[in-house]
Amino acid sequence: MTSTINASPAAKSPFDCFYVYPTVSTESGNNANLAIQPAEVSAAEQQASRFSTVCQVWAPMYRQVTVGGLFTAGVSGLDAAYQSLLADWNYYLAHDNDGRPIVFIGHSQGAAMLIRLLSEQVDDNPALLKRAVVAILAGGNLQVPTGSVVGATFKHIPLCTSLNVPGCAIAYSTFGSQPPPDSLFGRPGSGVSLMSLQTSSAGQQVACVNPANVGGTSGLLSPYFRGSGAVPWVTYPDLYTAECMTAGGATWLQVTPTAIPGDTRPLVKATLGPAWGYHLDDINLALGNLVSDVAMLESHYKP
């Protein structure tokens, strides 16, 4: 049984969403240029466009490390990507934001760049902290002291433990089983952590906040994937549960099919192998939850 759900953009929303896309550029060289390519447009449509129901979405181009440069760009390539995003951020603040509260959204390299941006530009700035509604940092390895919700990378931005208190972060990486030792995600001081200069590991863990049950344990995911033709979006209610787990030095969001008898709906796969888990679908597996989480946090935001 299928049904149609309509959604309308919040054209006059008092909230902004500042979105930074993941590694998608297939340009030659270590860093992309600023020409808008189909890959960047597709990423923004798939990951950020549904947030337009709760905010005005800003998706700046930046000189990200390309797919080909991921393992060759080095510190200079990462810094070039960050400095490009920093220039976007400063322009956005000066010309586009007009003092509105901000939701930060990033995935993979985009989340890593946002983690560094938040750490260096927002975390110690009381005025900007006051305008930060929530930071969604999927697949970026935000680090916190083991067992804590704040400290390590951010000193003033805690992990979300409730949808009643804005100014927090929702961070996670999705897997169908425990990440292997060579995973780029879920392990502090290694992998994608290095893209945001998070090199420490002692006494730290990668953060996990369950977008399907913020402050709780297991919850049902509300996935949204791009459809085709006259069906722009497809969702699969009650198909997955999610729960934050820690084992073997890794922390991750465990995504498990509900195994409803007779259910023939398609399941996500670890397309890039076990070390990547469901990384390509980090956002879309929980997109409905994340949009609802943002709406709830916005409702409690007090300027």
Protein backbone atom coordinates (compact mmCIF):
# COMPACT_ATOMS: atom_id res chain seq x y z
CA MET A 1 0.00 0.00 0.00
CA THR A 2 1.34 3.43 -0.95
CA SER A 3 0.20 6.97 -0.21
CA THR A 4 1.16 10.49 -1.27
CA ILE A 5 2.39 13.07 1.24
CA ASN A 6 2.66 16.71 0.22
CA ALA A 7 5.23 19.13 1.64
CA SER A 8 5.60 22.88 1.20
CA PRO A 9 8.75 24.99 1.60
CA ALA A 10 8.91 27.41 4.51
CA ALA A 11 9.61 30.40 2.28
CA LYS A 12 9.37 32.93 5.10
CA SER A 13 10.97 30.87 7.84
CA PRO A 14 12.88 32.92 10.44
CA PHE A 15 15.47 30.12 10.54
CA ASP A 16 18.39 29.46 8.21
CA CYS A 17 19.99 26.11 7.38
CA PHE A 18 23.68 26.32 6.45
CA TYR A 19 24.44 23.10 4.55
CA VAL A 20 27.86 21.72 3.57
CA TYR A 21 27.80 18.83 1.10
CA PRO A 22 29.91 15.64 1.28
CA THR A 23 32.73 14.47 -1.01
CA VAL A 24 31.14 14.37 -4.46
CA SER A 25 33.49 16.23 -6.83
CA THR A 26 35.11 14.09 -9.53
CA GLU A 27 37.16 16.97 -10.90
CA SER A 28 40.87 16.39 -11.49
CA GLY A 29 43.35 17.57 -8.88
CA ASN A 30 43.14 17.54 -5.10
CA ASN A 31 40.64 20.40 -4.71
CA ALA A 32 37.53 21.24 -6.69
CA ASN A 33 36.94 24.62 -8.26
CA LEU A 34 33.80 26.64 -7.56
CA ALA A 35 31.91 25.75 -10.73
CA ILE A 36 28.51 24.29 -9.89
CA GLN A 37 28.45 20.71 -11.16
CA PRO A 38 25.58 18.18 -11.29
CA ALA A 39 27.14 16.22 -8.40
CA GLU A 40 26.87 19.15 -5.98
CA VAL A 41 23.31 19.93 -7.09
CA SER A 42 22.29 16.29 -6.65
CA ALA A 43 23.81 16.09 -3.16
CA ALA A 44 22.01 19.25 -2.05
CA GLU A 45 18.71 18.04 -3.46
CA GLN A 46 18.99 14.62 -1.81
CA GLN A 47 20.25 15.74 1.59
CA ALA A 48 19.21 19.34 2.16
CA SER A 49 16.14 20.19 0.10
CA ARG A 50 13.63 18.61 2.50
CA PHE A 51 14.89 20.90 5.25
CA SER A 52 13.32 23.76 3.26
CA THR A 53 10.07 22.86 5.05
CA VAL A 54 11.60 24.16 8.31
CA CYS A 55 14.21 26.74 7.23
CA GLN A 56 15.74 28.74 4.42
CA VAL A 57 18.52 26.53 3.03
CA TRP A 58 21.91 27.97 2.09
CA ALA A 59 24.29 25.58 0.28
CA PRO A 60 27.53 27.36 -0.65
CA MET A 61 30.10 25.93 -3.05
CA TYR A 62 33.52 25.28 -1.55
CA ARG A 63 36.84 23.96 -2.83
CA GLN A 64 36.35 20.56 -1.30
CA VAL A 65 38.90 17.77 -1.52
CA THR A 66 37.85 15.77 -4.57
CA VAL A 67 37.07 12.05 -4.67
CA GLY A 68 40.45 11.50 -6.32
CA GLY A 69 42.24 13.66 -3.75
CA LEU A 70 40.83 12.01 -0.62
CA PHE A 71 44.00 10.06 0.07
CA THR A 72 46.51 12.38 -1.62
CA ALA A 73 45.46 15.95 -0.79
CA GLY A 74 47.16 16.03 2.62
CA VAL A 75 47.00 18.90 5.07
CA SER A 76 47.34 21.56 2.37
CA GLY A 77 44.35 20.22 0.44
CA LEU A 78 42.19 20.01 3.55
CA ASP A 79 43.19 23.53 4.56
CA ALA A 80 42.31 24.83 1.08
CA ALA A 81 38.86 23.27 1.44
CA TYR A 82 38.39 24.76 4.90
CA GLN A 83 39.58 28.24 3.95
CA SER A 84 37.15 28.20 1.03
CA LEU A 85 34.27 27.26 3.33
CA LEU A 86 35.37 29.87 5.87
CA ALA A 87 35.19 32.53 3.16
CA ASP A 88 31.66 31.32 2.31
CA TRP A 89 30.69 31.49 5.98
CA ASN A 90 32.00 35.01 6.43
CA TYR A 91 30.22 36.19 3.28
CA TYR A 92 26.98 34.52 4.38
CA LEU A 93 27.14 36.19 7.80
CA ALA A 94 27.91 39.59 6.31
CA HIS A 95 25.43 39.57 3.43
CA ASP A 96 22.73 36.89 3.83
CA ASN A 97 22.02 35.89 7.42
CA ASP A 98 20.65 39.16 8.82
CA GLY A 99 20.89 37.85 12.38
CA ARG A 100 18.60 34.83 11.91
CA PRO A 101 19.14 31.67 13.99
CA ILE A 102 21.05 28.95 12.19
CA VAL A 103 20.76 25.18 11.75
CA PHE A 104 24.06 23.65 10.60
CA ILE A 105 23.93 20.55 8.38
CA GLY A 106 26.89 18.60 7.05
CA HIS A 107 27.74 15.11 5.91
CA SER A 108 31.09 13.32 5.57
CA GLN A 109 33.70 15.85 4.43
CA GLY A 110 31.02 18.51 4.77
CA ALA A 111 30.48 17.51 8.41
CA ALA A 112 34.24 17.50 9.03
CA MET A 113 34.57 21.01 7.60
CA LEU A 114 31.62 22.15 9.72
CA ILE A 115 33.13 20.63 12.86
CA ARG A 116 36.27 22.70 12.31
CA LEU A 117 34.24 25.80 11.44
CA LEU A 118 32.06 25.47 14.53
CA SER A 119 35.09 24.82 16.72
CA GLU A 120 37.05 27.82 15.46
CA GLN A 121 34.33 30.34 14.63
CA VAL A 122 31.24 29.62 16.75
CA ASP A 123 32.10 27.64 19.88
CA ASP A 124 33.83 30.57 21.59
CA ASN A 125 31.60 33.30 20.16
CA PRO A 126 28.66 33.99 22.55
CA ALA A 127 26.67 35.91 19.94
CA LEU A 128 26.89 33.12 17.37
CA LEU A 129 26.36 30.39 19.98
CA LYS A 130 23.09 32.05 20.89
CA ARG A 131 21.96 31.81 17.25
CA ALA A 132 23.00 28.15 16.80
CA VAL A 133 19.82 26.03 16.92
CA VAL A 134 21.39 22.63 16.20
CA ALA A 135 24.36 21.17 14.33
CA ILE A 136 23.64 18.00 12.35
CA LEU A 137 27.03 16.35 11.76
CA ALA A 138 26.56 13.00 10.05
CA GLY A 139 29.56 10.85 9.16
CA GLY A 140 32.04 13.44 10.42
CA ASN A 141 33.38 11.83 13.64
CA LEU A 142 32.62 14.61 16.12
CA GLN A 143 34.59 13.69 19.26
CA VAL A 144 33.67 14.05 22.93
CA PRO A 145 35.29 12.83 26.16
CA THR A 146 34.32 9.21 26.78
CA GLY A 147 30.91 9.12 28.45
CA SER A 148 30.40 12.90 28.20
CA VAL A 149 28.22 15.13 26.04
CA VAL A 150 30.54 18.15 25.79
CA GLY A 151 34.27 18.76 25.75
CA ALA A 152 37.13 17.62 23.53
CA THR A 153 36.32 19.22 20.14
CA PHE A 154 33.54 21.57 21.29
CA LYS A 155 33.75 23.31 24.65
CA HIS A 156 30.29 24.87 24.65
CA ILE A 157 28.17 22.95 22.12
CA PRO A 158 26.90 19.77 23.81
CA LEU A 159 25.40 16.71 22.21
CA CYS A 160 21.61 16.84 22.08
CA THR A 161 20.05 14.94 24.96
CA SER A 162 16.59 16.42 24.47
CA LEU A 163 14.59 18.16 21.77
CA ASN A 164 13.57 20.79 24.32
CA VAL A 165 16.97 22.50 24.54
CA PRO A 166 18.44 24.03 21.35
CA GLY A 167 22.10 24.82 20.82
CA CYS A 168 23.26 21.21 20.62
CA ALA A 169 24.66 18.71 18.12
CA ILE A 170 23.26 15.55 16.53
CA ALA A 171 26.16 13.41 15.29
CA TYR A 172 26.36 9.80 14.15
CA SER A 173 27.56 7.34 11.49
CA THR A 174 25.33 4.50 10.32
CA PHE A 175 26.37 0.85 10.14
CA GLY A 176 24.58 -2.46 9.91
CA SER A 177 27.13 -4.10 12.21
CA GLN A 178 30.18 -3.17 14.28
CA PRO A 179 32.63 -1.05 12.25
CA PRO A 180 35.82 -3.01 11.45
CA PRO A 181 39.21 -1.80 12.75
CA ASP A 182 40.03 -0.10 9.43
CA SER A 183 36.81 1.93 9.31
CA LEU A 184 37.10 5.66 8.62
CA PHE A 185 34.10 6.33 10.86
CA GLY A 186 33.27 5.79 14.50
CA ARG A 187 36.86 5.69 15.80
CA PRO A 188 38.45 8.80 17.39
CA GLY A 189 41.69 10.32 16.15
CA SER A 190 41.63 8.51 12.82
CA GLY A 191 39.80 8.36 9.52
CA VAL A 192 37.48 11.28 8.87
CA SER A 193 38.41 12.77 12.28
CA LEU A 194 41.67 13.93 10.72
CA MET A 195 39.81 16.08 8.18
CA SER A 196 38.71 18.37 11.04
CA LEU A 197 42.07 18.25 12.86
CA GLN A 198 40.73 15.92 15.57
CA THR A 199 43.93 13.95 16.09
CA SER A 200 43.50 12.92 19.74
CA SER A 201 42.06 9.57 20.77
CA ALA A 202 43.00 9.00 24.43
CA GLY A 203 39.97 9.40 26.67
CA GLN A 204 37.72 10.29 23.75
CA GLN A 205 35.04 8.65 21.67
CA VAL A 206 33.16 9.51 18.51
CA ALA A 207 29.77 11.02 19.33
CA CYS A 208 26.49 9.28 18.60
CA VAL A 209 23.07 10.87 19.02
CA ASN A 210 20.17 8.82 17.68
CA PRO A 211 18.11 11.09 15.40
CA ALA A 212 15.20 8.67 15.75
CA ASN A 213 15.13 9.01 19.55
CA VAL A 214 17.18 11.96 20.79
CA GLY A 215 18.01 11.44 24.42
CA GLY A 216 16.69 7.88 24.33
CA THR A 217 17.73 4.51 22.99
CA SER A 218 16.14 2.65 20.10
CA GLY A 219 13.79 4.37 17.67
CA LEU A 220 12.16 3.88 14.27
CA LEU A 221 13.90 5.62 11.40
CA SER A 222 11.97 7.73 8.91
CA PRO A 223 14.03 7.42 5.72
CA TYR A 224 13.55 9.50 2.60
CA PHE A 225 15.19 8.75 -0.74
CA ARG A 226 14.89 10.49 -4.08
CA GLY A 227 12.31 8.84 -6.31
CA SER A 228 11.93 9.12 -10.05
CA GLY A 229 9.47 10.57 -12.54
CA ALA A 230 6.33 11.94 -10.92
CA VAL A 231 7.40 10.61 -7.50
CA PRO A 232 10.16 12.92 -6.22
CA TRP A 233 10.56 11.19 -2.84
CA VAL A 234 10.07 7.69 -1.48
CA THR A 235 9.86 6.77 2.20
CA TYR A 236 9.67 3.39 3.94
CA PRO A 237 7.92 3.66 7.32
CA ASP A 238 8.77 1.14 10.04
CA LEU A 239 11.49 -0.49 7.93
CA TYR A 240 14.47 0.21 10.24
CA THR A 241 15.23 0.73 13.89
CA ALA A 242 18.30 2.67 15.05
CA GLU A 243 20.30 2.61 18.27
CA CYS A 244 23.67 4.06 19.30
CA MET A 245 26.17 1.35 20.17
CA THR A 246 29.77 1.21 21.44
CA ALA A 247 32.07 -1.79 21.14
CA GLY A 248 35.64 -2.57 20.13
CA GLY A 249 36.74 1.06 20.37
CA ALA A 250 34.04 2.27 17.97
CA THR A 251 30.77 4.15 18.43
CA TRP A 252 28.11 4.06 15.74
CA LEU A 253 24.39 4.23 14.94
CA GLN A 254 23.29 0.64 14.49
CA VAL A 255 20.63 0.41 11.74
CA THR A 256 18.63 -2.83 11.80
CA PRO A 257 15.77 -3.91 9.50
CA THR A 258 12.57 -4.63 11.38
CA ALA A 259 12.15 -7.89 9.43
CA ILE A 260 8.40 -7.59 9.02
CA PRO A 261 7.11 -10.91 7.62
CA GLY A 262 6.42 -10.63 3.90
CA ASP A 263 8.08 -7.19 3.63
CA THR A 264 9.67 -6.92 0.17
CA ARG A 265 10.78 -3.30 0.34
CA PRO A 266 14.42 -2.70 -0.71
CA LEU A 267 17.11 -2.41 1.97
CA VAL A 268 20.21 -0.24 1.97
CA LYS A 269 23.56 -1.97 1.53
CA ALA A 270 27.15 -1.29 2.55
CA THR A 271 27.89 -0.36 -1.06
CA LEU A 272 31.53 0.62 -0.44
CA GLY A 273 32.25 -2.30 1.87
CA PRO A 274 32.08 -3.01 5.61
CA ALA A 275 34.56 -0.25 6.54
CA TRP A 276 32.15 2.36 5.13
CA GLY A 277 28.93 0.84 6.43
CA TYR A 278 25.88 2.81 5.29
CA HIS A 279 27.89 6.02 4.99
CA LEU A 280 26.41 7.00 1.63
CA ASP A 281 22.94 6.93 3.21
CA ASP A 282 23.75 8.52 6.60
CA ILE A 283 21.43 11.48 6.00
CA ASN A 284 18.70 9.84 3.95
CA LEU A 285 18.18 6.93 6.35
CA ALA A 286 17.12 9.44 9.00
CA LEU A 287 16.00 12.39 6.88
CA GLY A 288 12.41 12.41 8.14
CA ASN A 289 13.61 12.21 11.74
CA LEU A 290 16.14 14.98 11.25
CA VAL A 291 13.62 17.39 9.73
CA SER A 292 11.25 16.68 12.63
CA ASP A 293 14.09 17.11 15.15
CA VAL A 294 14.94 20.50 13.67
CA ALA A 295 11.29 21.60 13.78
CA MET A 296 11.04 20.61 17.45
CA LEU A 297 14.28 22.36 18.42
CA GLU A 298 13.20 25.47 16.53
CA SER A 299 9.93 25.50 18.47
CA HIS A 300 11.94 25.78 21.70
CA TYR A 301 14.45 28.31 20.41
CA LYS A 302 14.44 31.58 22.33
CA PRO A 303 16.53 34.43 20.87
